[in-house]
Amino acid sequence: MPGPQFRLFLDSIVWAFKHTLRDIGDMGLTICTELLTNFSKSDANIANAFFKSYFISILQDIFFVLTSTSHKSGFKLQSTILSQMFGYVDSGLITGPLFDPATLPNPNISNQDYLREYVMNTLNQAFPHLQL
């Protein structure tokens, strides 16, 4: 599927899991789980290209619904997706970088360290009262 059409497909999934109607939100989260699972099982080159392009944006959108009071009913699926995504990084399943090495002070940082720093910074910005 060409890039712009795939982005539209992915945006539709995100729209669904951001929807405030429980059934639509749950359907979007379920489809997102299946999408991540299918890409994790695909050829490494395809999986790495997908995760490099979309991992962080999906993570941001999952954090959005996870912290929204309008999306409480999806907590279990939201948590499952986060666990799934963190597991892919921690296990080394994603072998390509999730970031553009040219934009970081340490271009040799591992995906595990990058994700840890990214999540820590995101949570610290969203919740400044938390201690690091």
C-alpha atoms as a PDB file:
ATOM      1  CA  MET A   1       0.000   0.000   0.000  1.00  0.00           C
ATOM      2  CA  PRO A   2       1.482   3.392  -0.920  1.00  0.00           C
ATOM      3  CA  GLY A   3       2.593   5.599   1.979  1.00  0.00           C
ATOM      4  CA  PRO A   4      -0.167   8.235   1.842  1.00  0.00           C
ATOM      5  CA  GLN A   5      -2.906   5.596   1.709  1.00  0.00           C
ATOM      6  CA  PHE A   6      -1.327   3.653   4.570  1.00  0.00           C
ATOM      7  CA  ARG A   7      -1.099   6.861   6.630  1.00  0.00           C
ATOM      8  CA  LEU A   8      -4.822   7.429   6.009  1.00  0.00           C
ATOM      9  CA  PHE A   9      -5.519   3.838   7.097  1.00  0.00           C
ATOM     10  CA  LEU A  10      -3.472   4.316  10.275  1.00  0.00           C
ATOM     11  CA  ASP A  11      -5.117   7.688  10.969  1.00  0.00           C
ATOM     12  CA  SER A  12      -8.489   5.932  10.743  1.00  0.00           C
ATOM     13  CA  ILE A  13      -7.405   3.441  13.396  1.00  0.00           C
ATOM     14  CA  VAL A  14      -6.173   6.271  15.632  1.00  0.00           C
ATOM     15  CA  TRP A  15      -9.414   8.183  15.068  1.00  0.00           C
ATOM     16  CA  ALA A  16     -11.327   5.074  16.137  1.00  0.00           C
ATOM     17  CA  PHE A  17      -9.434   4.522  19.381  1.00  0.00           C
ATOM     18  CA  LYS A  18      -9.675   8.234  20.211  1.00  0.00           C
ATOM     19  CA  HIS A  19     -13.446   8.101  19.727  1.00  0.00           C
ATOM     20  CA  THR A  20     -15.473   8.603  22.900  1.00  0.00           C
ATOM     21  CA  LEU A  21     -18.000   5.878  22.057  1.00  0.00           C
ATOM     22  CA  ARG A  22     -16.758   2.789  23.853  1.00  0.00           C
ATOM     23  CA  ASP A  23     -17.467   0.293  21.053  1.00  0.00           C
ATOM     24  CA  ILE A  24     -15.651   2.364  18.438  1.00  0.00           C
ATOM     25  CA  GLY A  25     -12.726   3.058  20.782  1.00  0.00           C
ATOM     26  CA  ASP A  26     -12.359  -0.622  21.659  1.00  0.00           C
ATOM     27  CA  MET A  27     -12.549  -1.614  17.985  1.00  0.00           C
ATOM     28  CA  GLY A  28      -9.762   0.862  17.148  1.00  0.00           C
ATOM     29  CA  LEU A  29      -7.584  -0.436  19.993  1.00  0.00           C
ATOM     30  CA  THR A  30      -8.177  -4.036  18.913  1.00  0.00           C
ATOM     31  CA  ILE A  31      -7.258  -3.241  15.306  1.00  0.00           C
ATOM     32  CA  CYS A  32      -4.158  -1.369  16.505  1.00  0.00           C
ATOM     33  CA  THR A  33      -3.091  -4.414  18.541  1.00  0.00           C
ATOM     34  CA  GLU A  34      -3.527  -6.670  15.512  1.00  0.00           C
ATOM     35  CA  LEU A  35      -1.672  -4.233  13.250  1.00  0.00           C
ATOM     36  CA  LEU A  36       1.310  -4.101  15.619  1.00  0.00           C
ATOM     37  CA  THR A  37       1.289  -7.883  15.982  1.00  0.00           C
ATOM     38  CA  ASN A  38       1.177  -8.437  12.223  1.00  0.00           C
ATOM     39  CA  PHE A  39       4.037  -6.032  11.561  1.00  0.00           C
ATOM     40  CA  SER A  40       6.098  -7.557  14.367  1.00  0.00           C
ATOM     41  CA  LYS A  41       5.811 -10.932  12.607  1.00  0.00           C
ATOM     42  CA  SER A  42       6.620  -9.600   9.140  1.00  0.00           C
ATOM     43  CA  ASP A  43       9.960  -9.442   7.348  1.00  0.00           C
ATOM     44  CA  ALA A  44      12.492  -7.492   9.447  1.00  0.00           C
ATOM     45  CA  ASN A  45      12.982  -4.808   6.776  1.00  0.00           C
ATOM     46  CA  ILE A  46       9.248  -4.175   6.516  1.00  0.00           C
ATOM     47  CA  ALA A  47       8.799  -4.227  10.298  1.00  0.00           C
ATOM     48  CA  ASN A  48      11.709  -1.835  10.869  1.00  0.00           C
ATOM     49  CA  ALA A  49      10.414   0.597   8.239  1.00  0.00           C
ATOM     50  CA  PHE A  50       6.929   0.523   9.796  1.00  0.00           C
ATOM     51  CA  PHE A  51       8.163   0.976  13.346  1.00  0.00           C
ATOM     52  CA  LYS A  52      10.595   3.744  12.394  1.00  0.00           C
ATOM     53  CA  SER A  53       7.792   5.632  10.646  1.00  0.00           C
ATOM     54  CA  TYR A  54       4.928   5.073  13.074  1.00  0.00           C
ATOM     55  CA  PHE A  55       6.076   3.737  16.465  1.00  0.00           C
ATOM     56  CA  ILE A  56       6.459   7.096  18.227  1.00  0.00           C
ATOM     57  CA  SER A  57       3.257   8.580  16.799  1.00  0.00           C
ATOM     58  CA  ILE A  58       1.253   5.506  17.867  1.00  0.00           C
ATOM     59  CA  LEU A  59       2.879   5.686  21.299  1.00  0.00           C
ATOM     60  CA  GLN A  60       1.899   9.367  21.626  1.00  0.00           C
ATOM     61  CA  ASP A  61      -1.686   8.619  20.629  1.00  0.00           C
ATOM     62  CA  ILE A  62      -1.931   5.719  23.086  1.00  0.00           C
ATOM     63  CA  PHE A  63      -0.621   7.960  25.874  1.00  0.00           C
ATOM     64  CA  PHE A  64      -3.239  10.542  24.840  1.00  0.00           C
ATOM     65  CA  VAL A  65      -6.146   8.158  25.341  1.00  0.00           C
ATOM     66  CA  LEU A  66      -4.554   6.525  28.382  1.00  0.00           C
ATOM     67  CA  THR A  67      -4.467   9.866  30.193  1.00  0.00           C
ATOM     68  CA  SER A  68      -7.871  11.058  28.983  1.00  0.00           C
ATOM     69  CA  THR A  69     -10.829  10.830  31.334  1.00  0.00           C
ATOM     70  CA  SER A  70     -13.070  10.246  28.297  1.00  0.00           C
ATOM     71  CA  HIS A  71     -11.325   6.958  27.485  1.00  0.00           C
ATOM     72  CA  LYS A  72     -11.318   5.128  30.822  1.00  0.00           C
ATOM     73  CA  SER A  73     -13.147   2.110  29.451  1.00  0.00           C
ATOM     74  CA  GLY A  74     -10.244   1.254  27.141  1.00  0.00           C
ATOM     75  CA  PHE A  75      -7.630   1.129  29.899  1.00  0.00           C
ATOM     76  CA  LYS A  76      -7.004  -2.615  29.603  1.00  0.00           C
ATOM     77  CA  LEU A  77      -6.467  -2.510  25.828  1.00  0.00           C
ATOM     78  CA  GLN A  78      -4.450   0.719  26.057  1.00  0.00           C
ATOM     79  CA  SER A  79      -2.171  -0.885  28.644  1.00  0.00           C
ATOM     80  CA  THR A  80      -1.886  -4.020  26.526  1.00  0.00           C
ATOM     81  CA  ILE A  81      -0.739  -1.981  23.529  1.00  0.00           C
ATOM     82  CA  LEU A  82       1.839  -0.106  25.611  1.00  0.00           C
ATOM     83  CA  SER A  83       3.123  -3.393  27.012  1.00  0.00           C
ATOM     84  CA  GLN A  84       3.261  -4.849  23.514  1.00  0.00           C
ATOM     85  CA  MET A  85       5.172  -1.857  22.164  1.00  0.00           C
ATOM     86  CA  PHE A  86       7.634  -1.747  25.075  1.00  0.00           C
ATOM     87  CA  GLY A  87       8.113  -5.501  24.718  1.00  0.00           C
ATOM     88  CA  TYR A  88       9.050  -5.176  21.047  1.00  0.00           C
ATOM     89  CA  VAL A  89      11.740  -2.667  21.951  1.00  0.00           C
ATOM     90  CA  ASP A  90      13.028  -4.456  25.067  1.00  0.00           C
ATOM     91  CA  SER A  91      13.247  -7.814  23.302  1.00  0.00           C
ATOM     92  CA  GLY A  92      15.225  -6.336  20.410  1.00  0.00           C
ATOM     93  CA  LEU A  93      12.548  -7.344  17.910  1.00  0.00           C
ATOM     94  CA  ILE A  94      12.856  -3.889  16.343  1.00  0.00           C
ATOM     95  CA  THR A  95      16.398  -3.864  15.024  1.00  0.00           C
ATOM     96  CA  GLY A  96      16.315  -0.578  13.127  1.00  0.00           C
ATOM     97  CA  PRO A  97      16.439   2.746  14.963  1.00  0.00           C
ATOM     98  CA  LEU A  98      13.134   4.297  16.038  1.00  0.00           C
ATOM     99  CA  PHE A  99      14.685   7.728  15.547  1.00  0.00           C
ATOM    100  CA  ASP A 100      16.728   9.746  13.095  1.00  0.00           C
ATOM    101  CA  PRO A 101      20.331   9.365  14.318  1.00  0.00           C
ATOM    102  CA  ALA A 102      21.239  12.746  12.808  1.00  0.00           C
ATOM    103  CA  THR A 103      18.914  14.533  15.243  1.00  0.00           C
ATOM    104  CA  LEU A 104      20.379  13.119  18.460  1.00  0.00           C
ATOM    105  CA  PRO A 105      23.542  14.050  20.342  1.00  0.00           C
ATOM    106  CA  ASN A 106      24.330  10.327  20.646  1.00  0.00           C
ATOM    107  CA  PRO A 107      23.450   8.721  17.290  1.00  0.00           C
ATOM    108  CA  ASN A 108      24.529   5.301  18.617  1.00  0.00           C
ATOM    109  CA  ILE A 109      21.898   5.196  21.367  1.00  0.00           C
ATOM    110  CA  SER A 110      19.977   1.946  21.546  1.00  0.00           C
ATOM    111  CA  ASN A 111      16.230   1.792  20.942  1.00  0.00           C
ATOM    112  CA  GLN A 112      15.813   0.730  24.572  1.00  0.00           C
ATOM    113  CA  ASP A 113      17.636   3.814  25.882  1.00  0.00           C
ATOM    114  CA  TYR A 114      15.953   6.092  23.367  1.00  0.00           C
ATOM    115  CA  LEU A 115      12.481   4.859  24.312  1.00  0.00           C
ATOM    116  CA  ARG A 116      13.273   5.103  28.028  1.00  0.00           C
ATOM    117  CA  GLU A 117      14.401   8.724  27.634  1.00  0.00           C
ATOM    118  CA  TYR A 118      11.496   9.573  25.338  1.00  0.00           C
ATOM    119  CA  VAL A 119       8.880   8.215  27.741  1.00  0.00           C
ATOM    120  CA  MET A 120      10.574   9.812  30.738  1.00  0.00           C
ATOM    121  CA  ASN A 121      10.657  13.226  29.018  1.00  0.00           C
ATOM    122  CA  THR A 122       7.074  12.902  27.770  1.00  0.00           C
ATOM    123  CA  LEU A 123       5.740  12.010  31.209  1.00  0.00           C
ATOM    124  CA  ASN A 124       7.842  14.701  32.868  1.00  0.00           C
ATOM    125  CA  GLN A 125       6.438  17.350  30.503  1.00  0.00           C
ATOM    126  CA  ALA A 126       2.861  16.146  30.949  1.00  0.00           C
ATOM    127  CA  PHE A 127       3.177  15.729  34.712  1.00  0.00           C
ATOM    128  CA  PRO A 128       5.816  18.206  35.967  1.00  0.00           C
ATOM    129  CA  HIS A 129       5.010  17.384  39.590  1.00  0.00           C
ATOM    130  CA  LEU A 130       6.534  13.898  39.178  1.00  0.00           C
ATOM    131  CA  GLN A 131      10.070  13.314  40.465  1.00  0.00           C
ATOM    132  CA  LEU A 132      12.634  11.830  38.076  1.00  0.00           C
END
